[in-house]
Amino acid sequence: MTAVLTNLRNAVIAGCALAVVLLLLYLTVWGGALDASFWRFFFRWLHVLSGVMWIGLLWYFNFVQIPTMPKIPDEQKPAIGKHIAPEALFWFRWGAMSTIVTGLILAYLNAYFLSVMTLGASTGFAVPGHTALGIGMWFGIIMWFNVWFVIWPNQQKALNIANKYPDLSADDKAKSARTAMLFSRTNTVLSVPMLFSMVAAQGLFRLS
């Protein structure tokens, strides 16, 4: 057990193996099948996993790293900027991408893609859950855009990730860091109504 828990790869493999055991139970003991309902569930599961990674790291940056950085002695800050932050940003941006892709696939599999993307307008606002879910999806898309086209490019400059900007001045790095922070904070603001809309669509309204 120690060999599993002290190695991240092994821990992830162990988690996936336990999920496979549950899948086998579903297919045998519980009488399930790999039908359309299963694939809707499967992509919802991937969507939730991806979202946990994305929003978890978003909140880590905003609730932990950003407020704590001013308290860290200057000589220790390079450890954050050169090692921890680039790694966290990798999982952060790809978590965002995976969340959006699996969410769009899920909307397609549930046959409400057009309705939610138009906030229910394409179906005459007949299904309130589609409007609620669509609001959440558009918040998520805005957040995804911020991650890939504002936060990540500016963090690359601020932290000189992969040594892409070795000649950037200290002032330009500071401006990029501030821009990344402001848009990250914007995503934190949007994450609250986004999650409210997503959960409301499932719990307060009907989706069909």
C-alpha atoms as a PDB file:
ATOM      1  CA  MET A   1       0.000   0.000   0.000  1.00  0.00           C
ATOM      2  CA  THR A   2       2.875   2.381   0.773  1.00  0.00           C
ATOM      3  CA  ALA A   3       4.258   1.865  -2.747  1.00  0.00           C
ATOM      4  CA  VAL A   4       0.886   2.977  -4.125  1.00  0.00           C
ATOM      5  CA  LEU A   5       0.369   5.998  -1.904  1.00  0.00           C
ATOM      6  CA  THR A   6       3.893   7.414  -2.175  1.00  0.00           C
ATOM      7  CA  ASN A   7       3.768   7.516  -5.988  1.00  0.00           C
ATOM      8  CA  LEU A   8       1.170   9.716  -7.704  1.00  0.00           C
ATOM      9  CA  ARG A   9       1.062   7.620 -10.870  1.00  0.00           C
ATOM     10  CA  ASN A  10       0.434   4.463  -8.856  1.00  0.00           C
ATOM     11  CA  ALA A  11      -2.239   6.220  -6.797  1.00  0.00           C
ATOM     12  CA  VAL A  12      -4.041   7.365  -9.954  1.00  0.00           C
ATOM     13  CA  ILE A  13      -3.799   3.867 -11.431  1.00  0.00           C
ATOM     14  CA  ALA A  14      -5.226   2.440  -8.211  1.00  0.00           C
ATOM     15  CA  GLY A  15      -8.141   4.886  -8.333  1.00  0.00           C
ATOM     16  CA  CYS A  16      -8.860   3.962 -11.962  1.00  0.00           C
ATOM     17  CA  ALA A  17      -8.636   0.260 -11.104  1.00  0.00           C
ATOM     18  CA  LEU A  18     -11.265   0.690  -8.394  1.00  0.00           C
ATOM     19  CA  ALA A  19     -13.473   2.509 -10.910  1.00  0.00           C
ATOM     20  CA  VAL A  20     -13.060  -0.441 -13.304  1.00  0.00           C
ATOM     21  CA  VAL A  21     -14.181  -2.785 -10.506  1.00  0.00           C
ATOM     22  CA  LEU A  22     -17.336  -0.686 -10.118  1.00  0.00           C
ATOM     23  CA  LEU A  23     -17.848  -0.815 -13.888  1.00  0.00           C
ATOM     24  CA  LEU A  24     -17.587  -4.607 -13.830  1.00  0.00           C
ATOM     25  CA  LEU A  25     -20.128  -4.739 -11.007  1.00  0.00           C
ATOM     26  CA  TYR A  26     -22.422  -2.535 -13.084  1.00  0.00           C
ATOM     27  CA  LEU A  27     -22.087  -4.841 -16.107  1.00  0.00           C
ATOM     28  CA  THR A  28     -22.541  -8.084 -14.164  1.00  0.00           C
ATOM     29  CA  VAL A  29     -24.143  -7.970 -10.722  1.00  0.00           C
ATOM     30  CA  TRP A  30     -26.207  -4.830 -11.402  1.00  0.00           C
ATOM     31  CA  GLY A  31     -27.269  -5.931 -14.897  1.00  0.00           C
ATOM     32  CA  GLY A  32     -26.062  -2.819 -16.717  1.00  0.00           C
ATOM     33  CA  ALA A  33     -25.070  -2.437 -20.358  1.00  0.00           C
ATOM     34  CA  LEU A  34     -22.817  -0.217 -22.453  1.00  0.00           C
ATOM     35  CA  ASP A  35     -25.817   1.549 -23.930  1.00  0.00           C
ATOM     36  CA  ALA A  36     -26.631   5.215 -24.566  1.00  0.00           C
ATOM     37  CA  SER A  37     -27.410   5.775 -20.884  1.00  0.00           C
ATOM     38  CA  PHE A  38     -23.995   4.455 -19.918  1.00  0.00           C
ATOM     39  CA  TRP A  39     -22.164   6.783 -22.311  1.00  0.00           C
ATOM     40  CA  ARG A  40     -24.138   9.756 -21.023  1.00  0.00           C
ATOM     41  CA  PHE A  41     -23.098   8.753 -17.516  1.00  0.00           C
ATOM     42  CA  PHE A  42     -19.500   8.149 -18.592  1.00  0.00           C
ATOM     43  CA  PHE A  43     -19.037  11.610 -20.096  1.00  0.00           C
ATOM     44  CA  ARG A  44     -20.803  13.208 -17.133  1.00  0.00           C
ATOM     45  CA  TRP A  45     -18.307  11.427 -14.878  1.00  0.00           C
ATOM     46  CA  LEU A  46     -15.369  12.664 -16.985  1.00  0.00           C
ATOM     47  CA  HIS A  47     -16.926  16.141 -16.970  1.00  0.00           C
ATOM     48  CA  VAL A  48     -17.105  16.162 -13.173  1.00  0.00           C
ATOM     49  CA  LEU A  49     -13.553  14.794 -12.792  1.00  0.00           C
ATOM     50  CA  SER A  50     -12.225  17.458 -15.145  1.00  0.00           C
ATOM     51  CA  GLY A  51     -14.192  20.188 -13.406  1.00  0.00           C
ATOM     52  CA  VAL A  52     -12.858  19.194 -10.011  1.00  0.00           C
ATOM     53  CA  MET A  53      -9.306  19.463 -11.352  1.00  0.00           C
ATOM     54  CA  TRP A  54      -9.971  22.823 -13.029  1.00  0.00           C
ATOM     55  CA  ILE A  55     -11.974  24.612 -10.361  1.00  0.00           C
ATOM     56  CA  GLY A  56      -9.910  23.038  -7.584  1.00  0.00           C
ATOM     57  CA  LEU A  57      -6.746  24.572  -9.014  1.00  0.00           C
ATOM     58  CA  LEU A  58      -8.523  27.873  -9.745  1.00  0.00           C
ATOM     59  CA  TRP A  59      -9.483  28.106  -6.088  1.00  0.00           C
ATOM     60  CA  TYR A  60      -5.999  26.991  -5.005  1.00  0.00           C
ATOM     61  CA  PHE A  61      -4.501  29.911  -6.934  1.00  0.00           C
ATOM     62  CA  ASN A  62      -7.021  32.418  -5.570  1.00  0.00           C
ATOM     63  CA  PHE A  63      -7.512  31.196  -2.010  1.00  0.00           C
ATOM     64  CA  VAL A  64      -3.954  30.002  -1.306  1.00  0.00           C
ATOM     65  CA  GLN A  65      -1.165  30.985  -3.695  1.00  0.00           C
ATOM     66  CA  ILE A  66      -2.047  34.579  -4.626  1.00  0.00           C
ATOM     67  CA  PRO A  67      -2.860  35.748  -1.058  1.00  0.00           C
ATOM     68  CA  THR A  68       0.185  33.943   0.359  1.00  0.00           C
ATOM     69  CA  MET A  69       2.825  35.133  -2.128  1.00  0.00           C
ATOM     70  CA  PRO A  70       3.349  38.576  -0.476  1.00  0.00           C
ATOM     71  CA  LYS A  71       4.108  36.793   2.820  1.00  0.00           C
ATOM     72  CA  ILE A  72       6.818  34.574   1.303  1.00  0.00           C
ATOM     73  CA  PRO A  73      10.423  35.837   1.632  1.00  0.00           C
ATOM     74  CA  ASP A  74      11.817  37.009  -1.710  1.00  0.00           C
ATOM     75  CA  GLU A  75      14.550  34.394  -1.733  1.00  0.00           C
ATOM     76  CA  GLN A  76      11.936  31.609  -1.519  1.00  0.00           C
ATOM     77  CA  LYS A  77       9.557  32.906  -4.203  1.00  0.00           C
ATOM     78  CA  PRO A  78      11.505  31.447  -7.160  1.00  0.00           C
ATOM     79  CA  ALA A  79      10.620  27.953  -5.936  1.00  0.00           C
ATOM     80  CA  ILE A  80       6.939  28.779  -6.454  1.00  0.00           C
ATOM     81  CA  GLY A  81       7.404  30.541  -9.784  1.00  0.00           C
ATOM     82  CA  LYS A  82       9.806  28.043 -11.338  1.00  0.00           C
ATOM     83  CA  HIS A  83       8.487  24.744 -10.050  1.00  0.00           C
ATOM     84  CA  ILE A  84       5.041  24.740  -8.427  1.00  0.00           C
ATOM     85  CA  ALA A  85       3.178  27.337 -10.510  1.00  0.00           C
ATOM     86  CA  PRO A  86       4.142  25.976 -13.980  1.00  0.00           C
ATOM     87  CA  GLU A  87       3.097  22.463 -12.974  1.00  0.00           C
ATOM     88  CA  ALA A  88      -0.170  23.707 -11.490  1.00  0.00           C
ATOM     89  CA  LEU A  89      -0.849  25.773 -14.623  1.00  0.00           C
ATOM     90  CA  PHE A  90      -0.394  22.696 -16.809  1.00  0.00           C
ATOM     91  CA  TRP A  91      -3.140  20.773 -15.008  1.00  0.00           C
ATOM     92  CA  PHE A  92      -5.186  23.960 -14.657  1.00  0.00           C
ATOM     93  CA  ARG A  93      -5.414  24.731 -18.356  1.00  0.00           C
ATOM     94  CA  TRP A  94      -5.877  21.137 -19.496  1.00  0.00           C
ATOM     95  CA  GLY A  95      -8.482  20.599 -16.788  1.00  0.00           C
ATOM     96  CA  ALA A  96     -10.319  23.570 -18.288  1.00  0.00           C
ATOM     97  CA  MET A  97     -10.052  22.132 -21.801  1.00  0.00           C
ATOM     98  CA  SER A  98     -11.251  18.693 -20.722  1.00  0.00           C
ATOM     99  CA  THR A  99     -14.156  20.194 -18.770  1.00  0.00           C
ATOM    100  CA  ILE A 100     -15.393  22.139 -21.795  1.00  0.00           C
ATOM    101  CA  VAL A 101     -14.948  19.280 -24.276  1.00  0.00           C
ATOM    102  CA  THR A 102     -16.681  16.678 -22.110  1.00  0.00           C
ATOM    103  CA  GLY A 103     -19.442  19.149 -21.265  1.00  0.00           C
ATOM    104  CA  LEU A 104     -20.173  19.821 -24.938  1.00  0.00           C
ATOM    105  CA  ILE A 105     -20.110  16.093 -25.718  1.00  0.00           C
ATOM    106  CA  LEU A 106     -22.490  15.463 -22.825  1.00  0.00           C
ATOM    107  CA  ALA A 107     -24.903  18.126 -24.082  1.00  0.00           C
ATOM    108  CA  TYR A 108     -24.835  16.483 -27.525  1.00  0.00           C
ATOM    109  CA  LEU A 109     -25.427  12.989 -26.125  1.00  0.00           C
ATOM    110  CA  ASN A 110     -28.371  14.306 -24.109  1.00  0.00           C
ATOM    111  CA  ALA A 111     -29.837  15.872 -27.276  1.00  0.00           C
ATOM    112  CA  TYR A 112     -30.077  19.359 -25.800  1.00  0.00           C
ATOM    113  CA  PHE A 113     -26.906  20.924 -27.233  1.00  0.00           C
ATOM    114  CA  LEU A 114     -28.636  23.549 -29.386  1.00  0.00           C
ATOM    115  CA  SER A 115     -31.212  24.364 -26.731  1.00  0.00           C
ATOM    116  CA  VAL A 116     -28.707  24.980 -23.939  1.00  0.00           C
ATOM    117  CA  MET A 117     -26.336  26.910 -26.195  1.00  0.00           C
ATOM    118  CA  THR A 118     -29.206  29.250 -27.105  1.00  0.00           C
ATOM    119  CA  LEU A 119     -30.292  29.448 -23.433  1.00  0.00           C
ATOM    120  CA  GLY A 120     -33.499  27.639 -24.339  1.00  0.00           C
ATOM    121  CA  ALA A 121     -34.497  30.014 -27.136  1.00  0.00           C
ATOM    122  CA  SER A 122     -34.378  27.322 -29.842  1.00  0.00           C
ATOM    123  CA  THR A 123     -37.104  25.385 -28.014  1.00  0.00           C
ATOM    124  CA  GLY A 124     -39.193  28.409 -27.112  1.00  0.00           C
ATOM    125  CA  PHE A 125     -37.933  28.440 -23.519  1.00  0.00           C
ATOM    126  CA  ALA A 126     -40.113  25.391 -22.912  1.00  0.00           C
ATOM    127  CA  VAL A 127     -37.508  23.687 -20.714  1.00  0.00           C
ATOM    128  CA  PRO A 128     -36.278  25.966 -17.881  1.00  0.00           C
ATOM    129  CA  GLY A 129     -33.474  23.554 -17.106  1.00  0.00           C
ATOM    130  CA  HIS A 130     -31.971  24.184 -20.540  1.00  0.00           C
ATOM    131  CA  THR A 131     -31.829  27.908 -19.836  1.00  0.00           C
ATOM    132  CA  ALA A 132     -30.203  27.342 -16.433  1.00  0.00           C
ATOM    133  CA  LEU A 133     -27.732  24.836 -17.847  1.00  0.00           C
ATOM    134  CA  GLY A 134     -26.992  27.126 -20.791  1.00  0.00           C
ATOM    135  CA  ILE A 135     -26.168  30.012 -18.452  1.00  0.00           C
ATOM    136  CA  GLY A 136     -23.741  27.751 -16.612  1.00  0.00           C
ATOM    137  CA  MET A 137     -22.223  26.522 -19.874  1.00  0.00           C
ATOM    138  CA  TRP A 138     -21.660  30.041 -21.178  1.00  0.00           C
ATOM    139  CA  PHE A 139     -20.045  31.064 -17.897  1.00  0.00           C
ATOM    140  CA  GLY A 140     -17.817  28.005 -18.272  1.00  0.00           C
ATOM    141  CA  ILE A 141     -16.925  28.885 -21.863  1.00  0.00           C
ATOM    142  CA  ILE A 142     -15.982  32.430 -20.837  1.00  0.00           C
ATOM    143  CA  MET A 143     -13.843  31.007 -18.041  1.00  0.00           C
ATOM    144  CA  TRP A 144     -12.196  28.545 -20.453  1.00  0.00           C
ATOM    145  CA  PHE A 145     -11.430  31.407 -22.858  1.00  0.00           C
ATOM    146  CA  ASN A 146      -9.881  33.409 -20.024  1.00  0.00           C
ATOM    147  CA  VAL A 147      -7.679  30.465 -19.054  1.00  0.00           C
ATOM    148  CA  TRP A 148      -6.312  29.731 -22.512  1.00  0.00           C
ATOM    149  CA  PHE A 149      -6.153  33.166 -24.093  1.00  0.00           C
ATOM    150  CA  VAL A 150      -5.517  35.534 -21.181  1.00  0.00           C
ATOM    151  CA  ILE A 151      -4.311  33.812 -18.001  1.00  0.00           C
ATOM    152  CA  TRP A 152      -1.966  31.271 -19.571  1.00  0.00           C
ATOM    153  CA  PRO A 153      -0.233  33.653 -22.053  1.00  0.00           C
ATOM    154  CA  ASN A 154       0.286  36.241 -19.316  1.00  0.00           C
ATOM    155  CA  GLN A 155       1.566  33.671 -16.834  1.00  0.00           C
ATOM    156  CA  GLN A 156       4.048  32.485 -19.435  1.00  0.00           C
ATOM    157  CA  LYS A 157       5.394  36.042 -19.575  1.00  0.00           C
ATOM    158  CA  ALA A 158       5.243  36.710 -15.842  1.00  0.00           C
ATOM    159  CA  LEU A 159       7.048  33.488 -14.924  1.00  0.00           C
ATOM    160  CA  ASN A 160       9.145  33.163 -18.106  1.00  0.00           C
ATOM    161  CA  ILE A 161       7.895  29.595 -18.440  1.00  0.00           C
ATOM    162  CA  ALA A 162      10.113  27.431 -20.669  1.00  0.00           C
ATOM    163  CA  ASN A 163      12.370  30.502 -20.977  1.00  0.00           C
ATOM    164  CA  LYS A 164      10.140  31.926 -23.737  1.00  0.00           C
ATOM    165  CA  TYR A 165      10.516  35.524 -22.562  1.00  0.00           C
ATOM    166  CA  PRO A 166      14.074  35.898 -21.195  1.00  0.00           C
ATOM    167  CA  ASP A 167      14.345  39.571 -22.193  1.00  0.00           C
ATOM    168  CA  LEU A 168      11.028  40.757 -20.783  1.00  0.00           C
ATOM    169  CA  SER A 169      11.452  43.672 -18.395  1.00  0.00           C
ATOM    170  CA  ALA A 170      10.471  43.496 -14.744  1.00  0.00           C
ATOM    171  CA  ASP A 171       7.685  46.025 -15.359  1.00  0.00           C
ATOM    172  CA  ASP A 172       6.240  43.977 -18.222  1.00  0.00           C
ATOM    173  CA  LYS A 173       6.391  40.835 -16.093  1.00  0.00           C
ATOM    174  CA  ALA A 174       4.572  42.646 -13.293  1.00  0.00           C
ATOM    175  CA  LYS A 175       1.879  43.866 -15.723  1.00  0.00           C
ATOM    176  CA  SER A 176       1.404  40.342 -17.072  1.00  0.00           C
ATOM    177  CA  ALA A 177       1.199  38.919 -13.556  1.00  0.00           C
ATOM    178  CA  ARG A 178      -1.453  41.482 -12.625  1.00  0.00           C
ATOM    179  CA  THR A 179      -3.491  40.761 -15.765  1.00  0.00           C
ATOM    180  CA  ALA A 180      -3.346  37.028 -15.075  1.00  0.00           C
ATOM    181  CA  MET A 181      -4.393  37.628 -11.469  1.00  0.00           C
ATOM    182  CA  LEU A 182      -7.338  39.839 -12.406  1.00  0.00           C
ATOM    183  CA  PHE A 183      -8.696  37.358 -14.945  1.00  0.00           C
ATOM    184  CA  SER A 184      -8.108  34.471 -12.547  1.00  0.00           C
ATOM    185  CA  ARG A 185     -10.064  36.408  -9.933  1.00  0.00           C
ATOM    186  CA  THR A 186     -12.766  37.034 -12.572  1.00  0.00           C
ATOM    187  CA  ASN A 187     -12.996  33.278 -13.121  1.00  0.00           C
ATOM    188  CA  THR A 188     -13.341  32.782  -9.367  1.00  0.00           C
ATOM    189  CA  VAL A 189     -16.292  35.186  -9.380  1.00  0.00           C
ATOM    190  CA  LEU A 190     -17.880  33.403 -12.364  1.00  0.00           C
ATOM    191  CA  SER A 191     -17.295  29.941 -10.887  1.00  0.00           C
ATOM    192  CA  VAL A 192     -19.915  30.543  -8.175  1.00  0.00           C
ATOM    193  CA  PRO A 193     -22.909  31.341 -10.450  1.00  0.00           C
ATOM    194  CA  MET A 194     -21.617  28.800 -12.987  1.00  0.00           C
ATOM    195  CA  LEU A 195     -21.823  25.994 -10.437  1.00  0.00           C
ATOM    196  CA  PHE A 196     -25.160  27.335  -9.152  1.00  0.00           C
ATOM    197  CA  SER A 197     -26.608  27.185 -12.675  1.00  0.00           C
ATOM    198  CA  MET A 198     -25.202  23.720 -13.364  1.00  0.00           C
ATOM    199  CA  VAL A 199     -26.554  22.234 -10.145  1.00  0.00           C
ATOM    200  CA  ALA A 200     -29.864  24.118 -10.433  1.00  0.00           C
ATOM    201  CA  ALA A 201     -30.391  22.648 -13.896  1.00  0.00           C
ATOM    202  CA  GLN A 202     -30.183  19.174 -12.384  1.00  0.00           C
ATOM    203  CA  GLY A 203     -31.894  19.784  -9.055  1.00  0.00           C
ATOM    204  CA  LEU A 204     -34.446  22.586  -9.444  1.00  0.00           C
ATOM    205  CA  PHE A 205     -35.579  22.231 -13.053  1.00  0.00           C
ATOM    206  CA  ARG A 206     -36.248  19.509 -15.581  1.00  0.00           C
ATOM    207  CA  LEU A 207     -33.939  18.867 -18.525  1.00  0.00           C
ATOM    208  CA  SER A 208     -36.470  17.177 -20.786  1.00  0.00           C
END
